């Protein structure tokens, strides 16, 4: 699972580019959008939601489990998301613990995955979705992504405590927007003060992703950076991670 604690630190971007990098390395990869109320994965992959008033897959997950459904495929990875059923302008509003648990268990156990590795894009905070992911699902481990800002790492620390309580292995942390390279003098500029909260908790740094406008531009266009420019230094960082 890819976690962050705070919203906007790059969880979905890391999950997408990490899944595509693993696929490029020869693994069969699945990508599960675990953020039920803010599903961004379809948009990041350029998949348009179906314009349907009633999400039929919800019905199958919650009651009509007559057959295992196949996930969507995009860029060689398998994808499952609530965002494939709900138009982008509509809020899913999935809040009860029972509904959250039923959907997430269904997305894992009632989908005909062929993937050997399943990357889960987790929601921010420590709400119902994360409680279910940590307490009820067989996670092999989790990767954190934060900015170096102390506020972001404080929120990540809360999520870290939750993972530790449930015995989920913490693989490490990725520092996002760690620095900006000046386009004129090519010197690195630190955008935040460097917090040591996660380092003090013993979480190793897996990699550092610099600030790059192309990363967000590609995401908005449904064209992940590791595909749009696989020789970019950032793509190389994803491979190292």
C-alpha atoms as a PDB file:
ATOM      1  CA  UNK A   1       0.000   0.000   0.000  1.00  0.00           C
ATOM      2  CA  UNK A   2       1.129   3.552  -0.765  1.00  0.00           C
ATOM      3  CA  UNK A   3       0.382   5.861   2.161  1.00  0.00           C
ATOM      4  CA  UNK A   4       0.969   9.484   2.989  1.00  0.00           C
ATOM      5  CA  UNK A   5      -1.169  10.690   5.863  1.00  0.00           C
ATOM      6  CA  UNK A   6      -1.653  14.156   4.403  1.00  0.00           C
ATOM      7  CA  UNK A   7      -3.534  14.820   1.180  1.00  0.00           C
ATOM      8  CA  UNK A   8      -1.735  16.239  -1.839  1.00  0.00           C
ATOM      9  CA  UNK A   9       1.706  14.775  -1.138  1.00  0.00           C
ATOM     10  CA  UNK A  10       1.708  12.525  -4.222  1.00  0.00           C
ATOM     11  CA  UNK A  11       0.296   9.150  -3.149  1.00  0.00           C
ATOM     12  CA  UNK A  12      -1.662   8.510  -6.349  1.00  0.00           C
ATOM     13  CA  UNK A  13       1.170   9.751  -8.560  1.00  0.00           C
ATOM     14  CA  UNK A  14       3.647   7.456  -6.794  1.00  0.00           C
ATOM     15  CA  UNK A  15       1.246   4.498  -6.940  1.00  0.00           C
ATOM     16  CA  UNK A  16       0.671   4.908 -10.699  1.00  0.00           C
ATOM     17  CA  UNK A  17       4.304   5.454 -11.670  1.00  0.00           C
ATOM     18  CA  UNK A  18       5.523   2.729  -9.320  1.00  0.00           C
ATOM     19  CA  UNK A  19       3.021   0.246 -10.793  1.00  0.00           C
ATOM     20  CA  UNK A  20       4.093   1.131 -14.343  1.00  0.00           C
ATOM     21  CA  UNK A  21       7.780   0.859 -13.388  1.00  0.00           C
ATOM     22  CA  UNK A  22       7.260  -2.594 -11.881  1.00  0.00           C
ATOM     23  CA  UNK A  23       5.391  -3.648 -15.030  1.00  0.00           C
ATOM     24  CA  UNK A  24       8.268  -2.381 -17.184  1.00  0.00           C
ATOM     25  CA  UNK A  25      10.556  -4.604 -15.112  1.00  0.00           C
ATOM     26  CA  UNK A  26       8.564  -7.646 -16.186  1.00  0.00           C
ATOM     27  CA  UNK A  27       6.128  -8.092 -13.308  1.00  0.00           C
ATOM     28  CA  UNK A  28       2.388  -8.577 -13.748  1.00  0.00           C
ATOM     29  CA  UNK A  29       0.970  -5.636 -11.780  1.00  0.00           C
ATOM     30  CA  UNK A  30      -2.458  -4.657 -10.478  1.00  0.00           C
ATOM     31  CA  UNK A  31      -3.386  -1.185  -9.224  1.00  0.00           C
ATOM     32  CA  UNK A  32      -6.232  -0.811  -6.727  1.00  0.00           C
ATOM     33  CA  UNK A  33      -7.634   2.645  -5.968  1.00  0.00           C
ATOM     34  CA  UNK A  34      -8.245   2.398  -2.228  1.00  0.00           C
ATOM     35  CA  UNK A  35      -9.435   6.009  -1.926  1.00  0.00           C
ATOM     36  CA  UNK A  36     -13.157   5.348  -2.258  1.00  0.00           C
ATOM     37  CA  UNK A  37     -14.286   8.941  -1.783  1.00  0.00           C
ATOM     38  CA  UNK A  38     -11.555  10.615  -3.842  1.00  0.00           C
ATOM     39  CA  UNK A  39     -10.653   8.130  -6.588  1.00  0.00           C
ATOM     40  CA  UNK A  40      -7.971   9.717  -8.790  1.00  0.00           C
ATOM     41  CA  UNK A  41      -6.392   6.672 -10.437  1.00  0.00           C
ATOM     42  CA  UNK A  42      -8.646   6.625 -13.554  1.00  0.00           C
ATOM     43  CA  UNK A  43      -7.885  10.283 -14.276  1.00  0.00           C
ATOM     44  CA  UNK A  44      -4.132   9.764 -13.836  1.00  0.00           C
ATOM     45  CA  UNK A  45      -4.263   6.886 -16.323  1.00  0.00           C
ATOM     46  CA  UNK A  46      -6.538   8.674 -18.796  1.00  0.00           C
ATOM     47  CA  UNK A  47      -9.486   6.300 -18.286  1.00  0.00           C
ATOM     48  CA  UNK A  48     -12.924   7.902 -18.602  1.00  0.00           C
ATOM     49  CA  UNK A  49     -15.546   6.838 -16.029  1.00  0.00           C
ATOM     50  CA  UNK A  50     -18.672   5.197 -17.376  1.00  0.00           C
ATOM     51  CA  UNK A  51     -21.700   7.480 -17.413  1.00  0.00           C
ATOM     52  CA  UNK A  52     -24.023   5.183 -15.513  1.00  0.00           C
ATOM     53  CA  UNK A  53     -26.500   6.309 -12.832  1.00  0.00           C
ATOM     54  CA  UNK A  54     -26.244   3.082 -10.821  1.00  0.00           C
ATOM     55  CA  UNK A  55     -22.790   1.558 -10.266  1.00  0.00           C
ATOM     56  CA  UNK A  56     -23.457  -2.052 -11.241  1.00  0.00           C
ATOM     57  CA  UNK A  57     -20.145  -3.277  -9.863  1.00  0.00           C
ATOM     58  CA  UNK A  58     -21.169  -2.007  -6.426  1.00  0.00           C
ATOM     59  CA  UNK A  59     -24.194  -4.324  -6.635  1.00  0.00           C
ATOM     60  CA  UNK A  60     -22.015  -7.276  -7.528  1.00  0.00           C
ATOM     61  CA  UNK A  61     -19.574  -6.513  -4.723  1.00  0.00           C
ATOM     62  CA  UNK A  62     -22.329  -6.210  -2.123  1.00  0.00           C
ATOM     63  CA  UNK A  63     -24.782  -8.879  -3.174  1.00  0.00           C
ATOM     64  CA  UNK A  64     -24.858 -10.476  -6.608  1.00  0.00           C
ATOM     65  CA  UNK A  65     -21.475 -12.220  -6.483  1.00  0.00           C
ATOM     66  CA  UNK A  66     -22.288 -14.559  -9.317  1.00  0.00           C
ATOM     67  CA  UNK A  67     -18.907 -14.367 -11.049  1.00  0.00           C
ATOM     68  CA  UNK A  68     -15.496 -12.851 -10.584  1.00  0.00           C
ATOM     69  CA  UNK A  69     -15.170  -9.755 -12.742  1.00  0.00           C
ATOM     70  CA  UNK A  70     -12.126  -8.768 -14.717  1.00  0.00           C
ATOM     71  CA  UNK A  71     -10.285  -5.545 -13.903  1.00  0.00           C
ATOM     72  CA  UNK A  72      -9.752  -2.819 -16.472  1.00  0.00           C
ATOM     73  CA  UNK A  73      -6.401  -2.798 -18.272  1.00  0.00           C
ATOM     74  CA  UNK A  74      -4.333   0.268 -19.097  1.00  0.00           C
ATOM     75  CA  UNK A  75      -0.711   0.513 -20.158  1.00  0.00           C
ATOM     76  CA  UNK A  76      -0.232  -3.154 -19.335  1.00  0.00           C
ATOM     77  CA  UNK A  77      -1.464  -2.991 -15.725  1.00  0.00           C
ATOM     78  CA  UNK A  78      -4.787  -4.121 -14.225  1.00  0.00           C
ATOM     79  CA  UNK A  79      -6.883  -1.385 -12.614  1.00  0.00           C
ATOM     80  CA  UNK A  80      -9.852  -1.358 -10.231  1.00  0.00           C
ATOM     81  CA  UNK A  81     -11.387   1.880  -8.911  1.00  0.00           C
ATOM     82  CA  UNK A  82     -14.706   3.295  -7.769  1.00  0.00           C
ATOM     83  CA  UNK A  83     -13.808   6.141 -10.117  1.00  0.00           C
ATOM     84  CA  UNK A  84     -14.463   3.835 -13.089  1.00  0.00           C
ATOM     85  CA  UNK A  85     -18.138   3.798 -12.159  1.00  0.00           C
ATOM     86  CA  UNK A  86     -18.810   7.295 -10.812  1.00  0.00           C
ATOM     87  CA  UNK A  87     -18.491  10.347 -13.117  1.00  0.00           C
ATOM     88  CA  UNK A  88     -15.737  12.719 -11.992  1.00  0.00           C
ATOM     89  CA  UNK A  89     -18.108  15.521 -11.036  1.00  0.00           C
ATOM     90  CA  UNK A  90     -20.111  13.331  -8.606  1.00  0.00           C
ATOM     91  CA  UNK A  91     -18.997  12.510  -5.038  1.00  0.00           C
ATOM     92  CA  UNK A  92     -19.158   8.769  -4.244  1.00  0.00           C
ATOM     93  CA  UNK A  93     -19.995   9.384  -0.514  1.00  0.00           C
ATOM     94  CA  UNK A  94     -18.976   5.976   0.842  1.00  0.00           C
ATOM     95  CA  UNK A  95     -18.689   6.409   4.585  1.00  0.00           C
ATOM     96  CA  UNK A  96     -20.056   3.512   6.636  1.00  0.00           C
ATOM     97  CA  UNK A  97     -17.530   0.971   7.922  1.00  0.00           C
ATOM     98  CA  UNK A  98     -19.633  -1.907   6.551  1.00  0.00           C
ATOM     99  CA  UNK A  99     -19.807  -0.454   3.042  1.00  0.00           C
ATOM    100  CA  UNK A 100     -16.120   0.489   3.005  1.00  0.00           C
ATOM    101  CA  UNK A 101     -15.122  -2.982   4.183  1.00  0.00           C
ATOM    102  CA  UNK A 102     -17.405  -4.749   1.709  1.00  0.00           C
ATOM    103  CA  UNK A 103     -16.098  -2.735  -1.234  1.00  0.00           C
ATOM    104  CA  UNK A 104     -12.410  -3.103  -0.405  1.00  0.00           C
ATOM    105  CA  UNK A 105     -12.696  -6.834   0.320  1.00  0.00           C
ATOM    106  CA  UNK A 106     -14.667  -7.259  -2.901  1.00  0.00           C
ATOM    107  CA  UNK A 107     -12.094  -5.331  -4.918  1.00  0.00           C
ATOM    108  CA  UNK A 108      -9.370  -7.689  -3.694  1.00  0.00           C
ATOM    109  CA  UNK A 109     -11.037 -11.084  -3.330  1.00  0.00           C
ATOM    110  CA  UNK A 110     -13.877 -10.926  -5.893  1.00  0.00           C
ATOM    111  CA  UNK A 111     -11.865  -9.584  -8.823  1.00  0.00           C
ATOM    112  CA  UNK A 112     -10.205 -11.970 -11.268  1.00  0.00           C
ATOM    113  CA  UNK A 113      -6.720 -10.512 -10.843  1.00  0.00           C
ATOM    114  CA  UNK A 114      -3.895 -12.128 -12.774  1.00  0.00           C
ATOM    115  CA  UNK A 115      -1.359  -9.790 -11.163  1.00  0.00           C
ATOM    116  CA  UNK A 116       1.464 -11.082  -9.023  1.00  0.00           C
ATOM    117  CA  UNK A 117       1.914  -7.687  -7.354  1.00  0.00           C
ATOM    118  CA  UNK A 118      -0.986  -5.485  -6.224  1.00  0.00           C
ATOM    119  CA  UNK A 119      -0.263  -1.814  -5.537  1.00  0.00           C
ATOM    120  CA  UNK A 120      -2.923  -0.081  -3.416  1.00  0.00           C
ATOM    121  CA  UNK A 121      -3.314   3.695  -3.514  1.00  0.00           C
ATOM    122  CA  UNK A 122      -4.491   4.456   0.026  1.00  0.00           C
ATOM    123  CA  UNK A 123      -6.508   7.526   1.057  1.00  0.00           C
ATOM    124  CA  UNK A 124      -5.159  10.302   3.287  1.00  0.00           C
ATOM    125  CA  UNK A 125      -5.805  10.387   7.013  1.00  0.00           C
ATOM    126  CA  UNK A 126      -6.638   7.458   9.262  1.00  0.00           C
ATOM    127  CA  UNK A 127     -10.354   7.050   8.465  1.00  0.00           C
ATOM    128  CA  UNK A 128     -12.519   4.049   7.685  1.00  0.00           C
ATOM    129  CA  UNK A 129     -10.748   3.038   4.469  1.00  0.00           C
ATOM    130  CA  UNK A 130      -7.340   2.936   6.111  1.00  0.00           C
ATOM    131  CA  UNK A 131      -8.729   1.179   9.193  1.00  0.00           C
ATOM    132  CA  UNK A 132     -10.061  -1.576   6.929  1.00  0.00           C
ATOM    133  CA  UNK A 133      -6.885  -1.766   4.826  1.00  0.00           C
ATOM    134  CA  UNK A 134      -4.660  -2.084   7.888  1.00  0.00           C
ATOM    135  CA  UNK A 135      -6.886  -4.235  10.058  1.00  0.00           C
ATOM    136  CA  UNK A 136      -8.788  -6.536   7.704  1.00  0.00           C
ATOM    137  CA  UNK A 137      -6.701  -7.024   4.534  1.00  0.00           C
ATOM    138  CA  UNK A 138      -3.474  -9.036   4.072  1.00  0.00           C
ATOM    139  CA  UNK A 139      -1.038  -6.225   3.296  1.00  0.00           C
ATOM    140  CA  UNK A 140       2.525  -7.355   2.589  1.00  0.00           C
ATOM    141  CA  UNK A 141       3.879  -3.904   3.426  1.00  0.00           C
ATOM    142  CA  UNK A 142       3.487  -0.175   2.955  1.00  0.00           C
ATOM    143  CA  UNK A 143       5.462   2.676   1.438  1.00  0.00           C
ATOM    144  CA  UNK A 144       5.053   6.234   2.684  1.00  0.00           C
ATOM    145  CA  UNK A 145       5.347   9.321   0.531  1.00  0.00           C
ATOM    146  CA  UNK A 146       5.579  12.805   2.027  1.00  0.00           C
ATOM    147  CA  UNK A 147       7.098  16.172   1.366  1.00  0.00           C
ATOM    148  CA  UNK A 148       9.986  17.102   3.699  1.00  0.00           C
ATOM    149  CA  UNK A 149       7.640  19.593   5.417  1.00  0.00           C
ATOM    150  CA  UNK A 150       7.169  18.930   9.136  1.00  0.00           C
ATOM    151  CA  UNK A 151       3.375  19.267   8.892  1.00  0.00           C
ATOM    152  CA  UNK A 152       3.209  16.549   6.209  1.00  0.00           C
ATOM    153  CA  UNK A 153       5.477  14.269   8.208  1.00  0.00           C
ATOM    154  CA  UNK A 154       3.400  14.842  11.345  1.00  0.00           C
ATOM    155  CA  UNK A 155       0.321  13.509   9.520  1.00  0.00           C
ATOM    156  CA  UNK A 156       2.376  10.635   8.105  1.00  0.00           C
ATOM    157  CA  UNK A 157       3.520   9.813  11.617  1.00  0.00           C
ATOM    158  CA  UNK A 158      -0.091   9.318  12.686  1.00  0.00           C
ATOM    159  CA  UNK A 159      -0.602   6.864   9.831  1.00  0.00           C
ATOM    160  CA  UNK A 160       2.693   5.182  10.705  1.00  0.00           C
ATOM    161  CA  UNK A 161       1.426   4.572  14.234  1.00  0.00           C
ATOM    162  CA  UNK A 162      -1.726   2.948  12.823  1.00  0.00           C
ATOM    163  CA  UNK A 163       0.290   0.651  10.551  1.00  0.00           C
ATOM    164  CA  UNK A 164       2.607  -0.312  13.399  1.00  0.00           C
ATOM    165  CA  UNK A 165      -0.306  -1.157  15.694  1.00  0.00           C
ATOM    166  CA  UNK A 166      -1.665  -3.540  13.056  1.00  0.00           C
ATOM    167  CA  UNK A 167       1.711  -5.128  12.412  1.00  0.00           C
ATOM    168  CA  UNK A 168       1.998  -3.935   8.799  1.00  0.00           C
ATOM    169  CA  UNK A 169       5.607  -3.876   7.584  1.00  0.00           C
ATOM    170  CA  UNK A 170       6.836  -0.367   6.767  1.00  0.00           C
ATOM    171  CA  UNK A 171       9.179  -0.649   3.771  1.00  0.00           C
ATOM    172  CA  UNK A 172      10.301   2.979   3.697  1.00  0.00           C
ATOM    173  CA  UNK A 173       9.460   6.535   2.707  1.00  0.00           C
ATOM    174  CA  UNK A 174       9.743   8.471  -0.544  1.00  0.00           C
ATOM    175  CA  UNK A 175      10.408  12.202  -0.225  1.00  0.00           C
ATOM    176  CA  UNK A 176       8.377  14.053  -2.849  1.00  0.00           C
ATOM    177  CA  UNK A 177       9.000  17.609  -4.048  1.00  0.00           C
ATOM    178  CA  UNK A 178      12.271  17.369  -2.131  1.00  0.00           C
ATOM    179  CA  UNK A 179      13.983  20.093  -4.169  1.00  0.00           C
ATOM    180  CA  UNK A 180      13.729  22.247  -7.280  1.00  0.00           C
ATOM    181  CA  UNK A 181      16.528  22.638  -9.826  1.00  0.00           C
ATOM    182  CA  UNK A 182      16.902  26.267 -10.892  1.00  0.00           C
ATOM    183  CA  UNK A 183      16.441  26.472 -14.686  1.00  0.00           C
ATOM    184  CA  UNK A 184      19.060  29.260 -14.886  1.00  0.00           C
ATOM    185  CA  UNK A 185      21.949  28.215 -12.648  1.00  0.00           C
ATOM    186  CA  UNK A 186      20.996  24.511 -12.191  1.00  0.00           C
ATOM    187  CA  UNK A 187      21.459  24.738  -8.432  1.00  0.00           C
ATOM    188  CA  UNK A 188      19.121  22.728  -6.204  1.00  0.00           C
ATOM    189  CA  UNK A 189      16.694  24.759  -4.128  1.00  0.00           C
ATOM    190  CA  UNK A 190      15.099  23.234  -1.012  1.00  0.00           C
ATOM    191  CA  UNK A 191      11.361  23.957  -1.045  1.00  0.00           C
ATOM    192  CA  UNK A 192      10.724  22.953   2.578  1.00  0.00           C
ATOM    193  CA  UNK A 193      12.573  22.720   5.829  1.00  0.00           C
ATOM    194  CA  UNK A 194      13.694  19.119   6.263  1.00  0.00           C
ATOM    195  CA  UNK A 195      11.696  17.342   8.969  1.00  0.00           C
ATOM    196  CA  UNK A 196      13.262  14.320  10.688  1.00  0.00           C
ATOM    197  CA  UNK A 197      10.093  12.814  12.187  1.00  0.00           C
ATOM    198  CA  UNK A 198       9.999   9.657  10.043  1.00  0.00           C
ATOM    199  CA  UNK A 199      13.781   9.268  10.087  1.00  0.00           C
ATOM    200  CA  UNK A 200      13.716   9.479  13.885  1.00  0.00           C
ATOM    201  CA  UNK A 201      11.059   6.733  13.844  1.00  0.00           C
ATOM    202  CA  UNK A 202      13.477   4.500  11.928  1.00  0.00           C
ATOM    203  CA  UNK A 203      11.779   4.677   8.510  1.00  0.00           C
ATOM    204  CA  UNK A 204      14.433   4.426   5.739  1.00  0.00           C
ATOM    205  CA  UNK A 205      14.389   6.785   2.743  1.00  0.00           C
ATOM    206  CA  UNK A 206      13.804   4.842  -0.492  1.00  0.00           C
ATOM    207  CA  UNK A 207      14.253   7.780  -2.841  1.00  0.00           C
ATOM    208  CA  UNK A 208      13.785  11.489  -3.432  1.00  0.00           C
ATOM    209  CA  UNK A 209      11.612  12.894  -6.221  1.00  0.00           C
ATOM    210  CA  UNK A 210      12.426  16.502  -7.156  1.00  0.00           C
ATOM    211  CA  UNK A 211       9.764  19.035  -8.054  1.00  0.00           C
ATOM    212  CA  UNK A 212       9.077  18.863 -11.786  1.00  0.00           C
ATOM    213  CA  UNK A 213       6.151  20.564 -13.527  1.00  0.00           C
ATOM    214  CA  UNK A 214       6.101  17.797 -16.155  1.00  0.00           C
ATOM    215  CA  UNK A 215       5.138  15.256 -13.504  1.00  0.00           C
ATOM    216  CA  UNK A 216       1.893  17.087 -12.702  1.00  0.00           C
ATOM    217  CA  UNK A 217       1.222  18.112 -16.320  1.00  0.00           C
ATOM    218  CA  UNK A 218       1.486  14.502 -17.450  1.00  0.00           C
ATOM    219  CA  UNK A 219      -0.780  13.412 -14.607  1.00  0.00           C
ATOM    220  CA  UNK A 220      -3.459  15.922 -15.591  1.00  0.00           C
ATOM    221  CA  UNK A 221      -3.316  14.619 -19.160  1.00  0.00           C
ATOM    222  CA  UNK A 222      -3.541  10.959 -18.136  1.00  0.00           C
ATOM    223  CA  UNK A 223       0.020  10.384 -19.353  1.00  0.00           C
ATOM    224  CA  UNK A 224       2.239   9.176 -16.476  1.00  0.00           C
ATOM    225  CA  UNK A 225       5.763  10.546 -16.632  1.00  0.00           C
ATOM    226  CA  UNK A 226       7.534   7.188 -16.671  1.00  0.00           C
ATOM    227  CA  UNK A 227       5.735   6.460 -19.954  1.00  0.00           C
ATOM    228  CA  UNK A 228       5.864   9.935 -21.460  1.00  0.00           C
ATOM    229  CA  UNK A 229       9.599  10.342 -20.894  1.00  0.00           C
ATOM    230  CA  UNK A 230      11.108   7.140 -19.497  1.00  0.00           C
ATOM    231  CA  UNK A 231      14.662   8.543 -19.694  1.00  0.00           C
ATOM    232  CA  UNK A 232      13.888  11.477 -17.409  1.00  0.00           C
ATOM    233  CA  UNK A 233      15.818  11.627 -14.108  1.00  0.00           C
ATOM    234  CA  UNK A 234      12.501  11.280 -12.253  1.00  0.00           C
ATOM    235  CA  UNK A 235      11.710   8.043 -14.116  1.00  0.00           C
ATOM    236  CA  UNK A 236      15.119   6.812 -13.024  1.00  0.00           C
ATOM    237  CA  UNK A 237      14.240   7.676  -9.407  1.00  0.00           C
ATOM    238  CA  UNK A 238      11.080   5.570  -9.664  1.00  0.00           C
ATOM    239  CA  UNK A 239      13.204   2.669 -10.923  1.00  0.00           C
ATOM    240  CA  UNK A 240      15.555   3.074  -7.953  1.00  0.00           C
ATOM    241  CA  UNK A 241      12.603   3.125  -5.574  1.00  0.00           C
END
